[in-house]
């Protein structure tokens, strides 16, 4: 996936839908912890908790605060730890282009 974001925007939100590869059905996130691991620009990998907004339909989101979106490539993966402690990681990287803010 490739999306366009703008450096230092705080209104940008990453919304993901966790689905089973085998049948496309949503992964029920009830009792799960969802984590976003990402690198924006030359920064180290950051780990942030995502908010589950619709557990039954596998929807989670992350709102970017000031300073996390840096101009360059943004690459991320999502990890879900279910209520039983099993880890499920995204199969493909989530990739964005973050353009610099015009000054």
N, C-alpha and C. Protein backbone atom coordinates (compact mmCIF):
# COMPACT_ATOMS: atom_id res chain seq x y z
N UNK A 1 0.84 -1.18 0.00
CA UNK A 1 0.00 0.00 0.00
C UNK A 1 0.88 1.25 0.00
N UNK A 2 0.52 2.24 -0.77
CA UNK A 2 1.25 3.50 -0.77
C UNK A 2 0.23 4.63 -0.66
N UNK A 3 0.41 5.47 0.33
CA UNK A 3 -0.44 6.63 0.54
C UNK A 3 0.45 7.86 0.62
N UNK A 4 -0.11 9.03 0.47
CA UNK A 4 0.64 10.25 0.62
C UNK A 4 0.26 10.92 1.93
N UNK A 5 1.27 11.33 2.70
CA UNK A 5 1.09 12.05 3.95
C UNK A 5 1.94 13.31 3.88
N UNK A 6 1.72 14.23 4.80
CA UNK A 6 2.47 15.48 4.81
C UNK A 6 3.21 15.59 6.14
N UNK A 7 4.47 15.98 6.03
CA UNK A 7 5.34 16.11 7.20
C UNK A 7 4.68 16.94 8.29
N UNK A 8 4.74 16.42 9.53
CA UNK A 8 4.26 17.07 10.75
C UNK A 8 2.76 17.29 10.82
N UNK A 9 1.97 16.74 9.90
CA UNK A 9 0.53 16.84 10.05
C UNK A 9 0.10 16.06 11.29
N UNK A 10 -0.83 16.63 12.05
CA UNK A 10 -1.34 15.94 13.23
C UNK A 10 -2.78 15.47 13.03
N UNK A 11 -3.34 15.74 11.86
CA UNK A 11 -4.67 15.26 11.54
C UNK A 11 -4.65 13.95 10.78
N UNK A 12 -3.44 13.46 10.47
CA UNK A 12 -3.31 12.21 9.73
C UNK A 12 -3.52 11.03 10.68
N UNK A 13 -4.31 10.08 10.20
CA UNK A 13 -4.63 8.90 11.00
C UNK A 13 -4.44 7.67 10.13
N UNK A 14 -3.80 6.65 10.69
CA UNK A 14 -3.67 5.37 10.01
C UNK A 14 -4.77 4.46 10.53
N UNK A 15 -5.63 3.99 9.63
CA UNK A 15 -6.71 3.08 9.99
C UNK A 15 -6.45 1.77 9.27
N UNK A 16 -6.44 0.68 10.01
CA UNK A 16 -6.18 -0.63 9.41
C UNK A 16 -7.34 -1.58 9.69
N UNK A 17 -7.53 -2.50 8.77
CA UNK A 17 -8.52 -3.56 8.94
C UNK A 17 -7.75 -4.88 8.95
N UNK A 18 -7.83 -5.60 10.04
CA UNK A 18 -7.16 -6.90 10.15
C UNK A 18 -8.10 -7.97 9.59
N UNK A 19 -7.64 -8.65 8.54
CA UNK A 19 -8.45 -9.69 7.91
C UNK A 19 -7.63 -10.97 7.76
N UNK A 20 -8.34 -12.09 7.72
CA UNK A 20 -7.69 -13.38 7.52
C UNK A 20 -7.34 -13.53 6.05
N UNK A 21 -6.12 -13.93 5.79
CA UNK A 21 -5.69 -14.11 4.41
C UNK A 21 -6.46 -15.24 3.73
N UNK A 22 -6.82 -16.26 4.49
CA UNK A 22 -7.46 -17.44 3.91
C UNK A 22 -8.84 -17.15 3.33
N UNK A 23 -9.62 -16.28 4.00
CA UNK A 23 -10.99 -16.06 3.52
C UNK A 23 -11.44 -14.60 3.51
N UNK A 24 -10.55 -13.69 3.89
CA UNK A 24 -10.88 -12.27 3.85
C UNK A 24 -11.81 -11.80 4.96
N UNK A 25 -12.13 -12.70 5.89
CA UNK A 25 -12.99 -12.32 7.00
C UNK A 25 -12.21 -11.53 8.05
N UNK A 26 -12.87 -10.61 8.77
CA UNK A 26 -12.16 -9.82 9.78
C UNK A 26 -11.63 -10.68 10.92
N UNK A 27 -10.51 -10.25 11.47
CA UNK A 27 -9.95 -10.86 12.68
C UNK A 27 -10.62 -10.15 13.85
N UNK A 28 -11.30 -10.90 14.71
CA UNK A 28 -11.95 -10.29 15.87
C UNK A 28 -10.86 -9.85 16.85
N UNK A 29 -10.81 -8.56 17.14
CA UNK A 29 -9.77 -7.99 17.99
C UNK A 29 -10.19 -7.87 19.45
N UNK A 30 -11.32 -8.45 19.83
CA UNK A 30 -11.76 -8.39 21.22
C UNK A 30 -10.68 -8.98 22.13
N UNK A 31 -10.23 -8.20 23.11
CA UNK A 31 -9.21 -8.64 24.05
C UNK A 31 -7.79 -8.61 23.49
N UNK A 32 -7.62 -8.10 22.27
CA UNK A 32 -6.30 -8.06 21.63
C UNK A 32 -5.60 -6.74 21.86
N UNK A 33 -4.26 -6.79 21.75
CA UNK A 33 -3.43 -5.60 21.76
C UNK A 33 -2.90 -5.43 20.34
N UNK A 34 -3.05 -4.22 19.79
CA UNK A 34 -2.60 -3.95 18.43
C UNK A 34 -1.49 -2.90 18.51
N UNK A 35 -0.36 -3.22 17.89
CA UNK A 35 0.82 -2.35 17.95
C UNK A 35 1.27 -1.98 16.55
N UNK A 36 1.62 -0.72 16.38
CA UNK A 36 2.18 -0.21 15.14
C UNK A 36 3.67 -0.02 15.35
N UNK A 37 4.48 -0.63 14.49
CA UNK A 37 5.93 -0.43 14.50
C UNK A 37 6.29 0.24 13.19
N UNK A 38 6.94 1.41 13.28
CA UNK A 38 7.21 2.15 12.04
C UNK A 38 8.49 2.97 12.12
N UNK A 39 8.95 3.30 10.93
CA UNK A 39 10.09 4.21 10.76
C UNK A 39 9.63 5.29 9.79
N UNK A 40 9.82 6.54 10.20
CA UNK A 40 9.48 7.68 9.36
C UNK A 40 10.75 8.47 9.14
N UNK A 41 11.19 8.56 7.89
CA UNK A 41 12.46 9.23 7.62
C UNK A 41 13.60 8.43 8.20
N UNK A 42 14.64 9.12 8.66
CA UNK A 42 15.83 8.43 9.16
C UNK A 42 15.72 8.01 10.63
N UNK A 43 14.55 8.15 11.23
CA UNK A 43 14.40 7.86 12.65
C UNK A 43 14.54 6.36 12.94
N UNK A 44 14.76 6.07 14.20
CA UNK A 44 14.77 4.67 14.66
C UNK A 44 13.34 4.13 14.57
N UNK A 45 13.20 2.83 14.68
CA UNK A 45 11.86 2.23 14.66
C UNK A 45 11.12 2.65 15.93
N UNK A 46 9.91 3.16 15.73
CA UNK A 46 9.05 3.57 16.84
C UNK A 46 7.97 2.53 17.03
N UNK A 47 7.59 2.28 18.26
CA UNK A 47 6.54 1.33 18.59
C UNK A 47 5.43 2.08 19.32
N UNK A 48 4.22 2.00 18.78
CA UNK A 48 3.09 2.74 19.34
C UNK A 48 1.87 1.83 19.43
N UNK A 49 1.10 2.00 20.50
CA UNK A 49 -0.16 1.27 20.66
C UNK A 49 -1.20 1.87 19.72
N UNK A 50 -1.95 1.00 19.08
CA UNK A 50 -3.06 1.44 18.25
C UNK A 50 -4.35 1.31 19.07
N UNK A 51 -5.37 2.07 18.71
CA UNK A 51 -6.66 2.01 19.37
C UNK A 51 -7.59 1.12 18.56
N UNK A 52 -8.15 0.11 19.21
CA UNK A 52 -9.13 -0.75 18.54
C UNK A 52 -10.46 0.01 18.56
N UNK A 53 -10.97 0.33 17.38
CA UNK A 53 -12.20 1.11 17.29
C UNK A 53 -13.42 0.28 16.92
N UNK A 54 -13.21 -0.90 16.36
CA UNK A 54 -14.30 -1.82 16.02
C UNK A 54 -13.73 -3.23 16.09
N UNK A 55 -13.75 -3.81 17.28
CA UNK A 55 -13.11 -5.11 17.51
C UNK A 55 -13.71 -6.21 16.63
N UNK A 56 -15.01 -6.27 16.52
CA UNK A 56 -15.67 -7.32 15.75
C UNK A 56 -15.24 -7.31 14.29
N UNK A 57 -15.06 -6.12 13.73
CA UNK A 57 -14.69 -6.00 12.32
C UNK A 57 -13.19 -5.82 12.10
N UNK A 58 -12.38 -5.98 13.17
CA UNK A 58 -10.92 -5.96 13.03
C UNK A 58 -10.32 -4.60 12.73
N UNK A 59 -10.96 -3.51 13.18
CA UNK A 59 -10.50 -2.16 12.85
C UNK A 59 -9.73 -1.55 14.02
N UNK A 60 -8.54 -1.01 13.69
CA UNK A 60 -7.72 -0.30 14.68
C UNK A 60 -7.15 0.94 14.00
N UNK A 61 -6.79 1.96 14.81
CA UNK A 61 -6.27 3.19 14.23
C UNK A 61 -5.19 3.79 15.11
N UNK A 62 -4.40 4.67 14.48
CA UNK A 62 -3.35 5.40 15.18
C UNK A 62 -3.35 6.83 14.68
N UNK A 63 -3.44 7.79 15.60
CA UNK A 63 -3.40 9.22 15.28
C UNK A 63 -1.97 9.71 15.48
N UNK A 64 -1.37 10.28 14.44
CA UNK A 64 0.01 10.75 14.53
C UNK A 64 0.10 12.07 15.28
N UNK A 65 0.93 12.16 16.32
CA UNK A 65 1.16 13.43 17.01
C UNK A 65 2.24 14.24 16.30
N UNK A 66 2.46 15.45 16.75
CA UNK A 66 3.49 16.32 16.18
C UNK A 66 4.85 15.64 16.22
N UNK A 67 5.57 15.73 15.11
CA UNK A 67 6.95 15.26 15.05
C UNK A 67 7.16 13.81 14.64
N UNK A 68 6.09 13.05 14.44
CA UNK A 68 6.28 11.65 14.06
C UNK A 68 6.29 11.42 12.55
N UNK A 69 5.68 12.31 11.79
CA UNK A 69 5.71 12.17 10.34
C UNK A 69 6.83 13.03 9.78
N UNK A 70 7.90 12.39 9.34
CA UNK A 70 9.05 13.08 8.78
C UNK A 70 9.07 12.88 7.28
N UNK A 71 9.53 13.89 6.55
CA UNK A 71 9.56 13.82 5.09
C UNK A 71 10.51 12.71 4.65
N UNK A 72 10.00 11.76 3.92
CA UNK A 72 10.76 10.63 3.39
C UNK A 72 9.80 9.46 3.29
N UNK A 73 10.36 8.27 3.24
CA UNK A 73 9.53 7.07 3.21
C UNK A 73 9.10 6.71 4.62
N UNK A 74 7.87 6.26 4.73
CA UNK A 74 7.31 5.75 5.97
C UNK A 74 7.06 4.27 5.74
N UNK A 75 7.59 3.43 6.61
CA UNK A 75 7.41 1.98 6.47
C UNK A 75 6.95 1.45 7.82
N UNK A 76 5.93 0.59 7.80
CA UNK A 76 5.36 0.11 9.06
C UNK A 76 4.89 -1.33 8.95
N UNK A 77 4.72 -1.93 10.12
CA UNK A 77 4.04 -3.21 10.22
C UNK A 77 3.15 -3.16 11.45
N UNK A 78 2.14 -4.01 11.46
CA UNK A 78 1.20 -4.08 12.56
C UNK A 78 1.31 -5.45 13.20
N UNK A 79 1.30 -5.46 14.54
CA UNK A 79 1.31 -6.71 15.29
C UNK A 79 0.06 -6.78 16.16
N UNK A 80 -0.58 -7.94 16.15
CA UNK A 80 -1.74 -8.18 16.99
C UNK A 80 -1.39 -9.32 17.93
N UNK A 81 -1.57 -9.09 19.22
CA UNK A 81 -1.46 -10.15 20.22
C UNK A 81 -2.87 -10.40 20.72
N UNK A 82 -3.38 -11.61 20.44
CA UNK A 82 -4.76 -11.89 20.81
C UNK A 82 -4.89 -12.19 22.30
N UNK A 83 -6.12 -12.38 22.75
CA UNK A 83 -6.40 -12.61 24.17
C UNK A 83 -5.68 -13.84 24.72
N UNK A 84 -5.34 -14.79 23.84
CA UNK A 84 -4.63 -15.99 24.26
C UNK A 84 -3.12 -15.86 24.20
N UNK A 85 -2.62 -14.67 23.81
CA UNK A 85 -1.18 -14.43 23.76
C UNK A 85 -0.53 -14.79 22.43
N UNK A 86 -1.32 -15.14 21.42
CA UNK A 86 -0.75 -15.48 20.11
C UNK A 86 -0.46 -14.21 19.33
N UNK A 87 0.70 -14.20 18.65
CA UNK A 87 1.15 -13.03 17.86
C UNK A 87 0.83 -13.24 16.40
N UNK A 88 0.25 -12.21 15.78
CA UNK A 88 -0.03 -12.19 14.35
C UNK A 88 0.52 -10.89 13.80
N UNK A 89 1.45 -10.98 12.83
CA UNK A 89 2.06 -9.79 12.24
C UNK A 89 1.57 -9.61 10.81
N UNK A 90 1.53 -8.36 10.36
CA UNK A 90 1.12 -8.09 8.98
C UNK A 90 2.11 -8.76 8.02
N UNK A 91 1.60 -9.29 6.92
CA UNK A 91 2.45 -10.00 5.97
C UNK A 91 3.25 -9.04 5.09
N UNK A 92 2.67 -7.91 4.78
CA UNK A 92 3.35 -6.93 3.93
C UNK A 92 3.57 -5.64 4.71
N UNK A 93 4.63 -4.92 4.37
CA UNK A 93 4.85 -3.62 4.98
C UNK A 93 3.79 -2.64 4.49
N UNK A 94 3.40 -1.74 5.35
CA UNK A 94 2.57 -0.61 4.98
C UNK A 94 3.55 0.50 4.61
N UNK A 95 3.43 1.05 3.43
CA UNK A 95 4.38 2.07 2.99
C UNK A 95 3.65 3.34 2.59
N UNK A 96 4.23 4.46 2.97
CA UNK A 96 3.70 5.77 2.66
C UNK A 96 4.82 6.63 2.11
N UNK A 97 4.45 7.61 1.33
CA UNK A 97 5.37 8.69 0.98
C UNK A 97 4.96 9.88 1.82
N UNK A 98 5.89 10.46 2.54
CA UNK A 98 5.60 11.64 3.35
C UNK A 98 6.30 12.81 2.67
N UNK A 99 5.52 13.74 2.17
CA UNK A 99 6.12 14.88 1.48
C UNK A 99 6.44 15.98 2.48
N UNK A 100 7.47 16.79 2.17
CA UNK A 100 7.80 17.89 3.06
C UNK A 100 6.70 18.95 3.08
N UNK A 101 6.58 19.62 4.18
CA UNK A 101 5.64 20.74 4.32
C UNK A 101 6.20 21.93 3.57
N UNK A 102 5.39 22.62 2.82
CA UNK A 102 5.84 23.83 2.15
C UNK A 102 6.04 24.94 3.18
N UNK A 103 7.13 25.63 3.07
CA UNK A 103 7.38 26.72 4.02
C UNK A 103 7.51 28.04 3.31
